[in-house]
Amino acid sequence: MTEAPELDAVIELLRDAVHSDARGLTDDESCERAALVEKAGRLIDALRVQSAADLARRSRPELGEQGLARRHGCRTAAQLLERITRVSGREAARRAQLGSVLAPRCALDGSPLPAQFAIAGAAVEAGEIGTDAAWAITRALGQAAAKASPLDLEAAEESLVTAAHSDSADLVAVQARLWREALDPDGAEPREEELRARRELRLGREVDGMTPFHGWADPTSAALMRAAVSERTSPYRQPRFVHEGDPDVDCEGLGVFGEDRRTRPQKTFDAFIGLLQAGIRADAQATGSLHSVATVNVVVSLDHLVSGVGHAFLDDVDEAISAARAQEIACDAGYRLHITGRNGEPLFQGDRRRFFTAAQRRSLAVRDGGCVWPQCTSPPSWTHAHHVIPVSEGGPTDVDNGTLLCPYHHHLLHRGEYRMRMNQGLPELLAPRWIDPDQVWRAAGRSRLRATA
């Protein structure tokens, strides 16, 4: 008979365990319960892998149309498993592939053969290691199997399974890759090219006003991205060491402006956009004719742009933005006047009115050293040039009325909670009263001029 009655009894026991209340347990009992639950889960995972391997055996290609998967209208055992269990296609394929290397095999004449990774398979069946660790081991060693000797592969497998008894699956994966490189040092380059060929970045369409994007980075690109982002999002990174006698730093004011309420993912996103803006800006300022400029058109009425009340639209984005946000964009990038007819047809296009020139931005970079917000570490290439006195209020476009702000703090300033002014050619900030009841104007920026004076 089948194992269904035994599994039904196990399912009932697990259902009772799920409904039990763990809040009355002691700390030690809670830790022991978590360990037991994990062991039970590993045994369930072992059954999942065995089931996937059994479906694969019954659906092997030599059976043709008589294979189990084909008889159910599926091309592969993984597709059949996905249909039966309703797991993702990726998870079904992972189970089927893992089962194929952990389960005993059959020769073409039907005679039994040992599993490709029998040591890992036995540890999985005993619930000693999880399938995530087994997947890391079999995948890495499988990539080296063509070049390594059977004895070396067996030694590596035994070592990694032993490590999986005490180390996390992540650490086992690192060790497995090290074994792979030791067993097949010549395979690193083709594997790298294979990974690089899978690189991609996809930009989706809007969902509830937000645009999703996702992708995959090859190891070299991932290292570059992580280094660039980590440098700017590290909680330990500060502009520089300060002391009470430093004339360039108001130590008492750091508590007023230093708190950054962004989450780490938000900081990572802002750092990524900062790198993108820096690259576009550097490309736009390159000499010669072979450079590109990324231009985003903002469609807004003149009344809304001047008042800051209303809405605006961006190129190829369905969700509207506020007129205040359009003011913020124009503050840094300038604008080009377009006059349209009643039906939106273009009637006139004027020259672009560029606010701060490249030379002025360089002067601001020398003076400000990057974003002037206290404790912000964004370099000049990531920043916007901000008019302290807005152009709409007659503010001139010159260095004495400009300062550098990263996109996050530029937006924060335009929201109106903070105020900024120029004092003797240098910016100062005033926090809102609910943050700074004393209402003290505090120096902003990392100016070398003030320190020298």
Protein backbone atom coordinates (compact mmCIF):
# COMPACT_ATOMS: atom_id res chain seq x y z
CA MET A 1 0.00 0.00 0.00
CA THR A 2 1.07 3.65 -0.25
CA GLU A 3 2.53 5.84 2.45
CA ALA A 4 -0.57 8.04 2.44
CA PRO A 5 -1.99 6.79 5.80
CA GLU A 6 1.31 7.41 7.59
CA LEU A 7 1.64 10.86 6.06
CA ASP A 8 -1.96 11.66 6.97
CA ALA A 9 -1.17 10.85 10.60
CA VAL A 10 1.95 13.04 10.47
CA ILE A 11 -0.06 15.90 8.98
CA GLU A 12 -2.58 15.69 11.82
CA LEU A 13 0.22 15.78 14.39
CA LEU A 14 1.77 18.79 12.68
CA ARG A 15 -1.59 20.54 12.55
CA ASP A 16 -1.96 20.07 16.31
CA ALA A 17 1.55 21.42 16.83
CA VAL A 18 0.79 24.50 14.73
CA HIS A 19 -2.27 25.28 16.84
CA SER A 20 -0.38 24.86 20.14
CA ASP A 21 0.36 28.05 22.06
CA ALA A 22 4.11 28.63 22.49
CA ARG A 23 3.74 31.79 24.58
CA GLY A 24 3.79 29.82 27.82
CA LEU A 25 7.20 28.27 27.11
CA THR A 26 10.37 29.36 28.82
CA ASP A 27 13.20 30.86 26.77
CA ASP A 28 15.10 27.57 26.75
CA GLU A 29 11.97 25.65 25.77
CA SER A 30 11.30 28.13 22.96
CA CYS A 31 14.81 27.64 21.57
CA GLU A 32 14.44 23.86 21.82
CA ARG A 33 11.09 24.05 20.03
CA ALA A 34 12.64 26.06 17.16
CA ALA A 35 15.34 23.40 16.74
CA LEU A 36 12.79 20.57 16.70
CA VAL A 37 10.59 22.42 14.23
CA GLU A 38 13.57 22.88 11.94
CA LYS A 39 14.43 19.18 12.10
CA ALA A 40 10.84 18.27 11.29
CA GLY A 41 10.94 20.73 8.39
CA ARG A 42 14.15 19.16 7.09
CA LEU A 43 12.52 15.73 7.07
CA ILE A 44 9.54 17.16 5.20
CA ASP A 45 11.94 18.76 2.73
CA ALA A 46 13.65 15.39 2.29
CA LEU A 47 10.28 13.88 1.38
CA ARG A 48 9.68 16.74 -1.06
CA VAL A 49 12.98 16.07 -2.81
CA GLN A 50 12.27 12.33 -2.88
CA SER A 51 8.86 12.96 -4.42
CA ALA A 52 10.40 15.20 -7.07
CA ALA A 53 13.02 12.54 -7.83
CA ASP A 54 10.31 9.87 -8.12
CA LEU A 55 8.32 12.02 -10.55
CA ALA A 56 11.49 12.58 -12.56
CA ARG A 57 12.20 8.83 -12.65
CA ARG A 58 8.69 8.15 -13.91
CA SER A 59 9.04 10.94 -16.49
CA ARG A 60 12.55 10.22 -17.83
CA PRO A 61 12.99 11.01 -21.53
CA GLU A 62 13.49 7.43 -22.72
CA LEU A 63 9.89 6.64 -21.74
CA GLY A 64 8.68 9.05 -24.41
CA GLU A 65 4.94 9.66 -24.45
CA GLN A 66 4.45 6.98 -21.80
CA GLY A 67 6.31 9.06 -19.23
CA LEU A 68 4.25 10.34 -16.31
CA ALA A 69 4.72 14.02 -17.11
CA ARG A 70 3.83 13.58 -20.79
CA ARG A 71 0.69 11.63 -19.90
CA HIS A 72 -0.42 14.63 -17.81
CA GLY A 73 0.31 17.12 -20.59
CA CYS A 74 3.60 18.41 -19.14
CA ARG A 75 6.96 18.51 -20.85
CA THR A 76 9.03 17.87 -17.74
CA ALA A 77 8.70 16.43 -14.25
CA ALA A 78 9.29 19.92 -12.82
CA GLN A 79 6.23 21.24 -14.67
CA LEU A 80 4.18 18.34 -13.34
CA LEU A 81 5.40 19.02 -9.82
CA GLU A 82 4.53 22.70 -10.20
CA ARG A 83 1.00 21.77 -11.29
CA ILE A 84 0.51 19.31 -8.42
CA THR A 85 1.99 21.37 -5.58
CA ARG A 86 1.35 24.93 -6.87
CA VAL A 87 4.89 25.98 -5.91
CA SER A 88 6.82 28.33 -8.17
CA GLY A 89 8.39 26.95 -11.31
CA ARG A 90 11.81 27.82 -9.96
CA GLU A 91 11.25 25.90 -6.73
CA ALA A 92 9.86 22.89 -8.62
CA ALA A 93 12.90 22.84 -10.91
CA ARG A 94 15.23 23.12 -7.89
CA ARG A 95 13.59 20.16 -6.16
CA ALA A 96 13.68 18.05 -9.30
CA GLN A 97 17.34 18.86 -9.97
CA LEU A 98 18.35 18.25 -6.35
CA GLY A 99 16.42 14.99 -6.28
CA SER A 100 18.14 13.80 -9.43
CA VAL A 101 21.62 14.05 -7.83
CA LEU A 102 20.67 12.82 -4.34
CA ALA A 103 18.56 9.79 -5.28
CA PRO A 104 19.97 6.45 -6.53
CA ARG A 105 20.17 6.19 -10.31
CA CYS A 106 19.46 3.53 -12.89
CA ALA A 107 21.69 2.50 -15.78
CA LEU A 108 20.30 2.17 -19.29
CA ASP A 109 19.84 -1.57 -18.72
CA GLY A 110 17.89 -0.88 -15.53
CA SER A 111 20.62 -1.87 -13.10
CA PRO A 112 20.92 0.33 -9.99
CA LEU A 113 23.66 2.91 -9.63
CA PRO A 114 24.64 4.89 -6.55
CA ALA A 115 23.53 8.51 -6.26
CA GLN A 116 25.84 11.14 -7.68
CA PHE A 117 26.08 12.72 -4.21
CA ALA A 118 25.27 9.85 -1.86
CA ILE A 119 26.84 11.42 1.26
CA ALA A 120 24.74 14.58 0.98
CA GLY A 121 21.67 12.50 0.13
CA ALA A 122 22.03 10.39 3.28
CA ALA A 123 22.43 13.52 5.42
CA VAL A 124 19.30 15.06 3.91
CA GLU A 125 17.26 11.87 4.47
CA ALA A 126 18.36 11.81 8.11
CA GLY A 127 17.33 15.45 8.60
CA GLU A 128 20.90 16.34 9.54
CA ILE A 129 21.32 19.07 6.90
CA GLY A 130 18.79 21.16 5.05
CA THR A 131 18.07 21.14 1.34
CA ASP A 132 19.46 24.67 1.00
CA ALA A 133 22.88 23.45 2.18
CA ALA A 134 22.58 20.33 0.01
CA TRP A 135 21.74 22.50 -2.99
CA ALA A 136 24.84 24.65 -2.43
CA ILE A 137 27.05 21.58 -2.10
CA THR A 138 25.74 19.67 -5.11
CA ARG A 139 25.58 22.71 -7.37
CA ALA A 140 29.19 23.80 -6.71
CA LEU A 141 30.69 20.31 -6.86
CA GLY A 142 28.59 19.46 -9.89
CA GLN A 143 30.20 22.34 -11.76
CA ALA A 144 33.63 20.89 -10.99
CA ALA A 145 32.72 17.24 -11.62
CA ALA A 146 33.91 17.22 -15.24
CA LYS A 147 37.52 18.03 -14.27
CA ALA A 148 37.88 16.63 -10.73
CA SER A 149 38.66 13.02 -9.85
CA PRO A 150 35.96 10.94 -8.11
CA LEU A 151 38.12 10.63 -4.99
CA ASP A 152 38.62 14.39 -4.75
CA LEU A 153 34.89 14.99 -5.25
CA GLU A 154 34.03 12.50 -2.53
CA ALA A 155 36.51 14.13 -0.12
CA ALA A 156 35.06 17.56 -0.86
CA GLU A 157 31.50 16.32 -0.42
CA GLU A 158 32.30 14.68 2.91
CA SER A 159 34.04 17.83 4.16
CA LEU A 160 31.16 20.08 3.15
CA VAL A 161 28.48 17.81 4.64
CA THR A 162 30.43 17.78 7.90
CA ALA A 163 30.59 21.58 7.82
CA ALA A 164 26.83 21.77 7.18
CA HIS A 165 26.20 20.06 10.53
CA SER A 166 27.49 23.14 12.36
CA ASP A 167 27.63 26.04 9.89
CA SER A 168 24.82 27.97 8.25
CA ALA A 169 23.86 27.24 4.66
CA ASP A 170 25.38 30.58 3.60
CA LEU A 171 28.77 29.66 5.04
CA VAL A 172 28.55 26.20 3.47
CA ALA A 173 27.87 27.82 0.10
CA VAL A 174 31.02 29.93 0.45
CA GLN A 175 33.08 26.84 1.32
CA ALA A 176 31.52 24.92 -1.56
CA ARG A 177 32.59 27.59 -4.04
CA LEU A 178 36.12 27.46 -2.63
CA TRP A 179 36.18 23.69 -3.12
CA ARG A 180 34.89 24.16 -6.66
CA GLU A 181 37.71 26.56 -7.54
CA ALA A 182 40.29 24.25 -5.96
CA LEU A 183 39.01 21.22 -7.87
CA ASP A 184 38.62 23.03 -11.21
CA PRO A 185 40.74 26.21 -11.31
CA ASP A 186 40.43 26.43 -15.09
CA GLY A 187 36.64 26.59 -14.89
CA ALA A 188 36.46 30.06 -13.32
CA GLU A 189 36.65 31.96 -16.60
CA PRO A 190 33.90 30.07 -18.49
CA ARG A 191 31.67 30.22 -15.40
CA GLU A 192 32.28 33.96 -15.19
CA GLU A 193 31.33 34.42 -18.85
CA GLU A 194 28.20 32.35 -18.31
CA LEU A 195 27.17 34.55 -15.39
CA ARG A 196 27.99 37.74 -17.27
CA ALA A 197 25.77 36.63 -20.14
CA ARG A 198 22.86 36.50 -17.69
CA ARG A 199 23.18 40.14 -16.58
CA GLU A 200 20.05 42.22 -17.08
CA LEU A 201 18.08 45.18 -15.81
CA ARG A 202 14.35 45.44 -16.44
CA LEU A 203 12.28 48.58 -15.91
CA GLY A 204 8.57 47.79 -15.55
CA ARG A 205 5.43 49.85 -15.93
CA GLU A 206 3.81 51.73 -13.10
CA VAL A 207 1.82 50.05 -10.36
CA ASP A 208 -0.09 52.42 -8.07
CA GLY A 209 2.21 55.28 -9.01
CA MET A 210 5.46 53.38 -8.42
CA THR A 211 7.64 51.90 -11.16
CA PRO A 212 9.26 48.52 -10.39
CA PHE A 213 12.67 47.51 -11.63
CA HIS A 214 14.78 44.44 -11.04
CA GLY A 215 17.74 42.68 -12.52
CA TRP A 216 20.76 40.46 -12.09
CA ALA A 217 24.38 41.55 -11.77
CA ASP A 218 27.44 39.46 -12.60
CA PRO A 219 30.04 39.16 -9.80
CA THR A 220 32.27 42.02 -11.00
CA SER A 221 29.38 44.43 -11.48
CA ALA A 222 27.82 43.38 -8.17
CA ALA A 223 31.06 44.08 -6.32
CA LEU A 224 31.28 47.55 -7.89
CA MET A 225 27.66 48.33 -7.02
CA ARG A 226 28.00 47.09 -3.45
CA ALA A 227 31.19 49.04 -2.88
CA ALA A 228 29.71 52.26 -4.26
CA VAL A 229 26.46 51.93 -2.32
CA SER A 230 27.98 50.63 0.92
CA GLU A 231 30.43 53.51 1.06
CA ARG A 232 27.57 55.99 1.05
CA THR A 233 25.08 54.10 3.25
CA SER A 234 27.40 52.86 6.02
CA PRO A 235 26.08 53.93 9.44
CA TYR A 236 29.67 54.55 10.53
CA ARG A 237 30.54 56.92 7.70
CA GLN A 238 30.89 60.56 8.75
CA PRO A 239 32.10 63.59 6.77
CA ARG A 240 35.21 63.84 8.97
CA PHE A 241 36.27 63.95 12.61
CA VAL A 242 35.12 67.07 14.45
CA HIS A 243 35.91 68.71 17.74
CA GLU A 244 34.49 71.56 19.75
CA GLY A 245 37.19 74.01 18.66
CA ASP A 246 36.64 73.40 14.93
CA PRO A 247 35.46 76.75 13.49
CA ASP A 248 33.80 74.94 10.59
CA VAL A 249 31.43 72.83 12.68
CA ASP A 250 28.61 73.75 15.02
CA CYS A 251 28.81 70.66 17.24
CA GLU A 252 25.60 71.55 19.09
CA GLY A 253 23.73 71.79 15.80
CA LEU A 254 24.59 68.28 14.63
CA GLY A 255 21.82 66.83 16.75
CA VAL A 256 19.32 69.16 15.10
CA PHE A 257 20.16 68.29 11.51
CA GLY A 258 22.02 64.98 11.82
CA GLU A 259 19.06 62.61 12.25
CA ASP A 260 18.34 60.79 9.01
CA ARG A 261 14.99 59.01 9.06
CA ARG A 262 15.50 57.14 5.80
CA THR A 263 15.56 53.35 5.93
CA ARG A 264 18.61 51.54 4.63
CA PRO A 265 16.80 50.49 1.40
CA GLN A 266 15.82 54.13 0.86
CA LYS A 267 19.44 55.21 1.36
CA THR A 268 20.57 52.51 -1.07
CA PHE A 269 18.08 53.74 -3.66
CA ASP A 270 19.17 57.37 -3.21
CA ALA A 271 22.82 56.34 -3.55
CA PHE A 272 22.03 54.44 -6.76
CA ILE A 273 20.20 57.43 -8.23
CA GLY A 274 23.08 59.68 -7.15
CA LEU A 275 25.53 57.50 -9.06
CA LEU A 276 23.25 57.56 -12.10
CA GLN A 277 22.92 61.35 -12.00
CA ALA A 278 26.68 61.76 -11.57
CA GLY A 279 27.34 59.60 -14.62
CA ILE A 280 24.82 61.47 -16.76
CA ARG A 281 26.18 64.83 -15.65
CA ALA A 282 29.78 63.79 -16.36
CA ASP A 283 28.80 62.48 -19.80
CA ALA A 284 26.91 65.69 -20.62
CA GLN A 285 29.96 67.80 -19.78
CA ALA A 286 32.39 65.69 -21.84
CA THR A 287 34.24 67.31 -24.73
CA GLY A 288 33.59 66.42 -28.33
CA SER A 289 30.40 65.38 -30.07
CA LEU A 290 30.16 61.75 -28.95
CA HIS A 291 28.34 62.20 -25.68
CA SER A 292 24.73 61.85 -24.65
CA VAL A 293 22.49 63.90 -22.40
CA ALA A 294 19.55 62.29 -20.61
CA THR A 295 16.70 64.80 -20.72
CA VAL A 296 13.43 64.42 -18.84
CA ASN A 297 10.62 66.71 -19.95
CA VAL A 298 8.37 68.12 -17.25
CA VAL A 299 4.97 69.28 -18.51
CA VAL A 300 3.49 71.92 -16.20
CA SER A 301 1.47 75.08 -16.63
CA LEU A 302 3.25 78.38 -16.00
CA ASP A 303 0.78 79.28 -13.24
CA HIS A 304 1.42 76.02 -11.42
CA LEU A 305 5.19 76.33 -11.83
CA VAL A 306 5.24 79.85 -10.40
CA SER A 307 2.84 79.17 -7.52
CA GLY A 308 4.09 75.69 -6.68
CA VAL A 309 0.46 74.56 -6.33
CA GLY A 310 -0.99 72.07 -8.79
CA HIS A 311 0.42 69.17 -10.74
CA ALA A 312 2.87 68.31 -13.50
CA PHE A 313 3.75 65.29 -15.66
CA LEU A 314 7.02 63.61 -16.61
CA ASP A 315 8.06 61.90 -19.82
CA ASP A 316 6.90 58.27 -20.11
CA VAL A 317 5.50 58.24 -16.55
CA ASP A 318 1.75 58.05 -15.99
CA GLU A 319 1.65 59.22 -12.38
CA ALA A 320 1.46 62.98 -11.87
CA ILE A 321 3.92 64.88 -9.68
CA SER A 322 3.29 68.05 -7.70
CA ALA A 323 4.04 71.48 -9.10
CA ALA A 324 6.31 71.96 -6.08
CA ARG A 325 8.37 68.98 -7.27
CA ALA A 326 8.53 70.57 -10.72
CA GLN A 327 9.90 73.73 -9.06
CA GLU A 328 12.53 71.59 -7.38
CA ILE A 329 13.60 70.07 -10.72
CA ALA A 330 13.70 73.46 -12.42
CA CYS A 331 15.75 74.87 -9.55
CA ASP A 332 18.65 72.63 -10.52
CA ALA A 333 18.18 71.92 -14.22
CA GLY A 334 16.58 75.12 -15.53
CA TYR A 335 13.78 74.99 -18.07
CA ARG A 336 12.82 75.43 -21.71
CA LEU A 337 9.64 77.32 -22.56
CA HIS A 338 7.09 75.40 -24.65
CA ILE A 339 3.86 77.03 -25.78
CA THR A 340 1.08 74.69 -26.87
CA GLY A 341 -2.38 75.16 -28.30
CA ARG A 342 -5.69 74.15 -26.78
CA ASN A 343 -5.26 70.56 -27.93
CA GLY A 344 -1.65 70.34 -26.76
CA GLU A 345 -0.13 70.94 -30.19
CA PRO A 346 3.31 72.61 -30.03
CA LEU A 347 3.30 76.24 -31.16
CA PHE A 348 6.64 77.57 -29.88
CA GLN A 349 9.80 76.20 -28.30
CA GLY A 350 12.26 78.61 -26.76
CA ASP A 351 15.90 78.18 -25.89
CA ARG A 352 16.73 76.30 -22.74
CA ARG A 353 17.22 78.59 -19.78
CA ARG A 354 20.02 76.92 -17.90
CA PHE A 355 20.38 78.13 -14.35
CA PHE A 356 23.77 77.25 -12.87
CA THR A 357 26.55 76.79 -15.41
CA ALA A 358 29.21 74.10 -15.21
CA ALA A 359 31.73 76.70 -14.04
CA GLN A 360 29.39 77.88 -11.28
CA ARG A 361 28.82 74.29 -10.16
CA ARG A 362 32.59 73.80 -9.92
CA SER A 363 32.82 76.90 -7.72
CA LEU A 364 30.03 75.58 -5.52
CA ALA A 365 31.81 72.23 -5.28
CA VAL A 366 35.01 73.94 -4.11
CA ARG A 367 33.15 75.99 -1.54
CA ASP A 368 30.62 73.41 -0.28
CA GLY A 369 32.54 70.16 -0.75
CA GLY A 370 29.30 68.27 -1.52
CA CYS A 371 25.84 68.36 0.00
CA VAL A 372 25.86 71.10 2.65
CA TRP A 373 23.40 69.34 4.97
CA PRO A 374 25.15 68.51 8.24
CA GLN A 375 26.54 64.97 8.32
CA CYS A 376 25.50 64.24 4.71
CA THR A 377 28.34 62.62 2.76
CA SER A 378 27.05 62.98 -0.82
CA PRO A 379 29.87 64.20 -3.10
CA PRO A 380 29.42 67.18 -5.49
CA SER A 381 28.68 64.94 -8.49
CA TRP A 382 25.56 63.61 -6.75
CA THR A 383 24.09 66.99 -5.85
CA HIS A 384 21.67 69.57 -7.23
CA ALA A 385 22.48 73.27 -7.39
CA HIS A 386 19.83 75.02 -5.29
CA HIS A 387 18.74 78.68 -5.40
CA VAL A 388 18.63 79.89 -1.80
CA ILE A 389 16.37 82.78 -2.86
CA PRO A 390 14.06 81.20 -5.49
CA VAL A 391 14.18 82.49 -9.05
CA SER A 392 10.43 83.13 -8.83
CA GLU A 393 11.18 85.62 -6.02
CA GLY A 394 13.92 87.37 -7.96
CA GLY A 395 16.83 85.32 -6.70
CA PRO A 396 19.90 85.61 -8.94
CA THR A 397 21.71 82.66 -10.44
CA ASP A 398 25.14 83.20 -8.98
CA VAL A 399 27.42 81.47 -6.50
CA ASP A 400 26.41 83.76 -3.64
CA ASN A 401 22.81 82.58 -4.03
CA GLY A 402 23.54 78.93 -4.73
CA THR A 403 24.42 75.86 -2.72
CA LEU A 404 24.73 72.13 -3.28
CA LEU A 405 22.18 69.67 -1.91
CA CYS A 406 21.73 65.95 -2.55
CA PRO A 407 18.31 65.04 -4.03
CA TYR A 408 16.99 63.87 -0.64
CA HIS A 409 17.90 67.05 1.26
CA HIS A 410 16.98 69.26 -1.72
CA HIS A 411 13.49 67.78 -1.58
CA LEU A 412 13.43 68.17 2.21
CA LEU A 413 14.29 71.86 1.91
CA HIS A 414 11.67 72.49 -0.80
CA ARG A 415 9.00 70.96 1.44
CA GLY A 416 9.34 74.06 3.60
CA GLU A 417 10.09 72.51 6.99
CA TYR A 418 13.62 73.94 6.97
CA ARG A 419 14.83 77.38 5.89
CA MET A 420 18.13 78.38 4.34
CA ARG A 421 19.91 81.70 3.97
CA MET A 422 23.34 82.96 2.87
CA ASN A 423 25.50 84.66 5.46
CA GLN A 424 28.74 86.25 4.22
CA GLY A 425 28.73 83.97 1.19
CA LEU A 426 28.11 80.76 3.13
CA PRO A 427 24.84 78.81 3.67
CA GLU A 428 23.06 78.54 7.00
CA LEU A 429 20.12 76.36 8.00
CA LEU A 430 17.21 76.90 10.40
CA ALA A 431 15.33 73.86 11.64
CA PRO A 432 11.58 74.07 12.30
CA ARG A 433 10.51 75.16 15.77
CA TRP A 434 9.28 71.72 16.79
CA ILE A 435 12.83 70.39 16.22
CA ASP A 436 14.83 73.42 17.39
CA PRO A 437 12.83 75.50 19.89
CA ASP A 438 15.74 77.97 20.20
CA GLN A 439 15.48 78.80 16.46
CA VAL A 440 19.23 79.21 15.92
CA TRP A 441 20.65 79.64 12.42
CA ARG A 442 23.44 77.10 12.07
CA ALA A 443 26.29 76.91 9.57
CA ALA A 444 25.90 74.32 6.82
CA GLY A 445 28.48 72.77 4.53
CA ARG A 446 32.06 71.61 4.84
CA SER A 447 33.69 74.87 3.75
CA ARG A 448 37.48 75.04 3.93
CA LEU A 449 37.21 78.84 3.79
CA ARG A 450 35.62 79.13 7.22
CA ALA A 451 38.16 76.74 8.75
CA THR A 452 41.02 78.78 7.26
CA ALA A 453 39.54 82.04 8.56
